[in-house]
Amino acid sequence: MKIESLRDLYAEQLQGLYDAELQQIKALPKMAKAASLEDLRVAFEDHLTKTKEHAHRIEIIFEQMGEKARGRKCEAMECLLKEGDEVIQENMEGALKDAALIAAAQHVEHYEIAGYGCLRAHATILGEDVAAAFLAQTLEEEEEADRRLNGIAERLRPDIPRGRDQSEDRTVSPRSMSVA
């Protein structure tokens, strides 16, 4: 697709995020299965439900544009989800694996937050008010998923093996650091 206008860019980015959502629909059940913490498994399952809604909203936006919903291969999401697959295959257990799954999931969330933020802005500029509202709703749900993952990650801290004797740990405060 040749991009000659903001509308072309908007459509192209919408296609990329549509593909990203479809990729996640396949990946989230595997992440849920790999989670050892019940809260994390439920978070992944809940987000799968939301992800299906996100894809459906994009289909409605395409319909309103008079186009058929189709994805453009989102290589960035493919790479991010590949990292998640590698975590699933990694020989880690319990809270450590959960921490790695959360990190992989948050990389995905941050990618989507950036994408939906741009799309919402473009829809607003283009006067696509219904699409802008859908995209704002999806953006808020992605931000909520990120906050939920942060909360779960913070509860994992006591259970994660540190890898070295805690007495060797040297805490550095921002005030004790000098910038040259």
Protein backbone atom coordinates (compact mmCIF):
# COMPACT_ATOMS: atom_id res chain seq x y z
CA MET A 1 0.00 0.00 0.00
CA LYS A 2 1.35 3.37 -0.99
CA ILE A 3 0.92 5.88 1.83
CA GLU A 4 0.06 9.32 0.47
CA SER A 5 -2.17 10.71 3.22
CA LEU A 6 -2.95 10.49 6.91
CA ARG A 7 -5.96 8.32 6.02
CA ASP A 8 -3.65 5.88 4.21
CA LEU A 9 -1.31 5.80 7.21
CA TYR A 10 -4.25 5.33 9.57
CA ALA A 11 -5.59 2.38 7.52
CA GLU A 12 -2.15 0.79 7.28
CA GLN A 13 -1.52 1.08 11.02
CA LEU A 14 -5.01 -0.22 11.75
CA GLN A 15 -4.23 -3.28 9.62
CA GLY A 16 -1.03 -3.84 11.60
CA LEU A 17 -2.78 -3.66 14.96
CA TYR A 18 -5.55 -5.93 13.70
CA ASP A 19 -2.95 -8.56 12.84
CA ALA A 20 -1.27 -7.97 16.22
CA GLU A 21 -4.56 -8.66 18.01
CA LEU A 22 -5.14 -11.82 15.98
CA GLN A 23 -1.64 -13.05 16.83
CA GLN A 24 -2.30 -12.45 20.52
CA ILE A 25 -5.54 -14.40 20.40
CA LYS A 26 -3.38 -17.42 19.56
CA ALA A 27 -0.61 -16.63 22.06
CA LEU A 28 -2.50 -15.72 25.23
CA PRO A 29 -3.86 -19.22 25.96
CA LYS A 30 -0.28 -20.56 25.91
CA MET A 31 0.86 -17.83 28.29
CA ALA A 32 -2.06 -18.55 30.62
CA LYS A 33 -1.21 -22.24 30.64
CA ALA A 34 2.46 -21.49 31.45
CA ALA A 35 1.64 -19.20 34.41
CA SER A 36 2.00 -20.78 37.82
CA LEU A 37 0.29 -17.99 39.78
CA GLU A 38 -3.51 -18.12 39.60
CA ASP A 39 -3.80 -14.30 39.43
CA LEU A 40 -1.51 -14.23 36.40
CA ARG A 41 -3.34 -17.06 34.65
CA VAL A 42 -6.65 -15.26 35.20
CA ALA A 43 -5.15 -11.96 33.99
CA PHE A 44 -4.06 -13.62 30.74
CA GLU A 45 -7.47 -15.27 30.31
CA ASP A 46 -9.28 -11.99 31.00
CA HIS A 47 -7.05 -10.20 28.53
CA LEU A 48 -7.78 -12.84 25.90
CA THR A 49 -11.47 -11.91 26.19
CA LYS A 50 -10.56 -8.21 25.86
CA THR A 51 -8.25 -8.94 22.92
CA LYS A 52 -11.12 -10.58 21.03
CA GLU A 53 -13.17 -7.43 21.70
CA HIS A 54 -10.29 -5.26 20.44
CA ALA A 55 -10.15 -7.22 17.19
CA HIS A 56 -13.93 -6.91 16.82
CA ARG A 57 -13.75 -3.13 17.33
CA ILE A 58 -11.16 -2.88 14.56
CA GLU A 59 -13.47 -4.90 12.30
CA ILE A 60 -16.24 -2.38 13.00
CA ILE A 61 -13.90 0.52 12.23
CA PHE A 62 -12.97 -1.06 8.90
CA GLU A 63 -16.65 -1.61 8.15
CA GLN A 64 -17.34 2.08 8.85
CA MET A 65 -14.50 2.95 6.47
CA GLY A 66 -16.18 0.84 3.80
CA GLU A 67 -13.36 -1.68 3.83
CA LYS A 68 -13.06 -5.34 4.69
CA ALA A 69 -11.07 -6.01 7.87
CA ARG A 70 -7.72 -7.42 6.94
CA GLY A 71 -4.44 -7.51 8.72
CA ARG A 72 -1.05 -6.46 7.51
CA LYS A 73 1.60 -8.73 8.99
CA CYS A 74 2.78 -7.12 12.20
CA GLU A 75 6.37 -8.28 12.42
CA ALA A 76 6.94 -6.35 15.65
CA MET A 77 4.21 -8.31 17.41
CA GLU A 78 5.50 -11.53 15.91
CA CYS A 79 8.92 -10.83 17.48
CA LEU A 80 7.43 -9.83 20.83
CA LEU A 81 5.32 -12.99 20.95
CA LYS A 82 8.32 -15.08 19.94
CA GLU A 83 10.04 -13.76 23.07
CA GLY A 84 7.03 -14.92 25.06
CA ASP A 85 7.26 -18.37 23.46
CA GLU A 86 10.94 -18.53 24.41
CA VAL A 87 10.02 -17.76 28.02
CA ILE A 88 7.44 -20.56 27.96
CA GLN A 89 10.09 -22.99 26.67
CA GLU A 90 12.78 -21.77 29.10
CA ASN A 91 13.68 -24.03 32.01
CA MET A 92 12.30 -21.75 34.74
CA GLU A 93 9.73 -22.44 37.38
CA GLY A 94 7.29 -20.71 39.67
CA ALA A 95 7.64 -17.02 40.42
CA LEU A 96 10.72 -16.65 38.22
CA LYS A 97 8.86 -17.93 35.15
CA ASP A 98 5.86 -15.78 36.09
CA ALA A 99 8.14 -12.73 36.29
CA ALA A 100 9.51 -13.50 32.82
CA LEU A 101 6.00 -14.01 31.43
CA ILE A 102 4.92 -10.67 32.90
CA ALA A 103 7.91 -8.92 31.31
CA ALA A 104 7.11 -10.44 27.91
CA ALA A 105 3.43 -9.51 28.26
CA GLN A 106 4.25 -5.95 29.26
CA HIS A 107 6.44 -5.53 26.17
CA VAL A 108 3.35 -6.44 24.15
CA GLU A 109 1.13 -4.07 26.15
CA HIS A 110 3.53 -1.16 25.71
CA TYR A 111 3.67 -1.75 21.96
CA GLU A 112 -0.11 -1.73 21.81
CA ILE A 113 -0.42 1.34 24.02
CA ALA A 114 1.82 3.25 21.61
CA GLY A 115 -0.09 1.97 18.58
CA TYR A 116 -3.57 2.66 19.92
CA GLY A 117 -2.52 6.09 21.16
CA CYS A 118 -1.38 7.06 17.65
CA LEU A 119 -4.44 5.55 15.98
CA ARG A 120 -6.79 7.38 18.34
CA ALA A 121 -5.04 10.66 17.56
CA HIS A 122 -5.23 9.98 13.82
CA ALA A 123 -8.92 9.06 14.02
CA THR A 124 -9.60 12.30 15.89
CA ILE A 125 -7.75 14.39 13.29
CA LEU A 126 -9.63 12.60 10.49
CA GLY A 127 -12.98 13.31 12.18
CA GLU A 128 -13.65 9.60 12.76
CA ASP A 129 -15.37 10.15 16.11
CA VAL A 130 -16.80 6.64 16.56
CA ALA A 131 -13.46 5.07 15.68
CA ALA A 132 -11.66 7.49 18.02
CA ALA A 133 -14.01 6.44 20.85
CA PHE A 134 -13.43 2.74 20.14
CA LEU A 135 -9.68 3.26 20.01
CA ALA A 136 -9.70 5.30 23.23
CA GLN A 137 -11.62 2.50 24.96
CA THR A 138 -9.13 -0.08 23.71
CA LEU A 139 -6.21 2.13 24.76
CA GLU A 140 -7.63 2.36 28.29
CA GLU A 141 -8.06 -1.42 28.44
CA GLU A 142 -4.45 -1.95 27.32
CA GLU A 143 -3.25 0.50 29.99
CA GLU A 144 -5.37 -1.32 32.59
CA ALA A 145 -3.84 -4.66 31.56
CA ASP A 146 -0.39 -3.13 31.99
CA ARG A 147 -1.28 -1.81 35.47
CA ARG A 148 -2.69 -5.23 36.43
CA LEU A 149 0.53 -6.95 35.32
CA ASN A 150 2.57 -4.43 37.32
CA GLY A 151 0.55 -5.22 40.43
CA ILE A 152 1.07 -8.95 39.99
CA ALA A 153 4.80 -8.44 39.38
CA GLU A 154 5.16 -6.47 42.60
CA ARG A 155 3.53 -9.27 44.59
CA LEU A 156 6.03 -11.79 43.15
CA ARG A 157 9.14 -10.09 44.58
CA PRO A 158 9.52 -12.12 47.78
CA ASP A 159 9.28 -15.43 45.90
CA ILE A 160 11.80 -14.76 43.12
CA PRO A 161 15.28 -16.23 43.59
CA ARG A 162 17.78 -13.38 43.67
CA GLY A 163 20.81 -15.25 42.39
CA ARG A 164 23.35 -13.95 44.87
CA ASP A 165 23.70 -13.51 48.59
CA GLN A 166 21.55 -10.60 49.70
CA SER A 167 24.33 -9.37 52.01
CA GLU A 168 26.32 -8.54 48.87
CA ASP A 169 23.51 -6.37 47.56
CA ARG A 170 24.52 -2.75 47.40
CA THR A 171 21.64 -0.34 47.24
CA VAL A 172 22.32 2.84 45.33
CA SER A 173 19.99 5.76 45.73
CA PRO A 174 19.52 8.31 42.99
CA ARG A 175 21.02 10.97 45.29
CA SER A 176 24.25 9.01 45.77
CA MET A 177 24.88 8.85 42.04
CA SER A 178 26.74 11.68 40.34
CA VAL A 179 26.29 12.62 36.75
CA ALA A 180 29.48 13.76 35.04
